[in-house]
Amino acid sequence: MLNNINISYIVAGCKNWNRRVFDEVISKYNGNWIYVDTEEDLTKNAKKNNTRYIFFLHWSWIVPKEILNNYECVCFHMTDVPYGRGGSPLQNLIIRGHKETKLTALRMVKELDAGPVYLKEDLSLYGFSAKDIYIRASYLSAKMIEKIIENEITPEPQKGEEVLFKRRKPEESEIPELLDLEALFDFIRMLDAEDYPKAFLLYKCFKFEFSRASIYDENLLADVKITRIKGRK
């Protein structure tokens, strides 16, 4: 177990709930903890501190090769890898009917989601929105971070059949023909988070975007934002 207060750990995140989890939980662990939310701060803090690990809770940018090569970088992927390597893991899981998954802590390498695994923990996919699940995953990531630094876990190669997920495109948020309310509920909630393209329908010159869905008394209730589409009749 490491207790050296001179050792630095960096947590990288780009969502407000990442910062909340860092402030409430992670920053209280042993050691010197630093939170970064930009590419510039990541590179600057990694170089100037005695950095042991860099943990990525949610990151929207490519991590530079010099960071991957010189520091032990750990990310948290919402599938039981090697099943579900690739983009949009939460959406790909829900649309395939999964109710539970594994949150995997893995060492970052050049190939996406292909690095060795530190540990896996059960993660429920229940929630009224994708944001609910992302927040739950962030708190679980914090517990996994504590286990990694306390036990100096050595990651092991992934085992099993590789199944790749494709990153979803904005146009794939258009609501398809679905068989029941639960499937529609899942489709809306899996896209309901900040900076994600909401589930939508197009009708004549209007775009209907859906959020905050719930099922009550055999009816689906949701907030709807209606936007006029310029140039469309």
Foldseek 3Di string as FASTA:
>chain_A
DDQDQQEEEEEEEADPLLVVLCVPFQCPDHYHYYYDHDLVVVVVVVVPGNYAEYEYLHHDDDNDPVPLVPYFYKYKDFALPLEEFEALSLLVCVLVPDQKHKTWIFTDDPDGPQGFTQDIDIAGSDDQALVVRSSVSSNVVSVVVNVCVVVVGDGDGDDDDHHYDYHDDLVVLEDDDDDAPVSVSSSQRSQADPPGNGRWHDDFQKIWGWGSWDADPRDIDTDIDIDGHPPTD
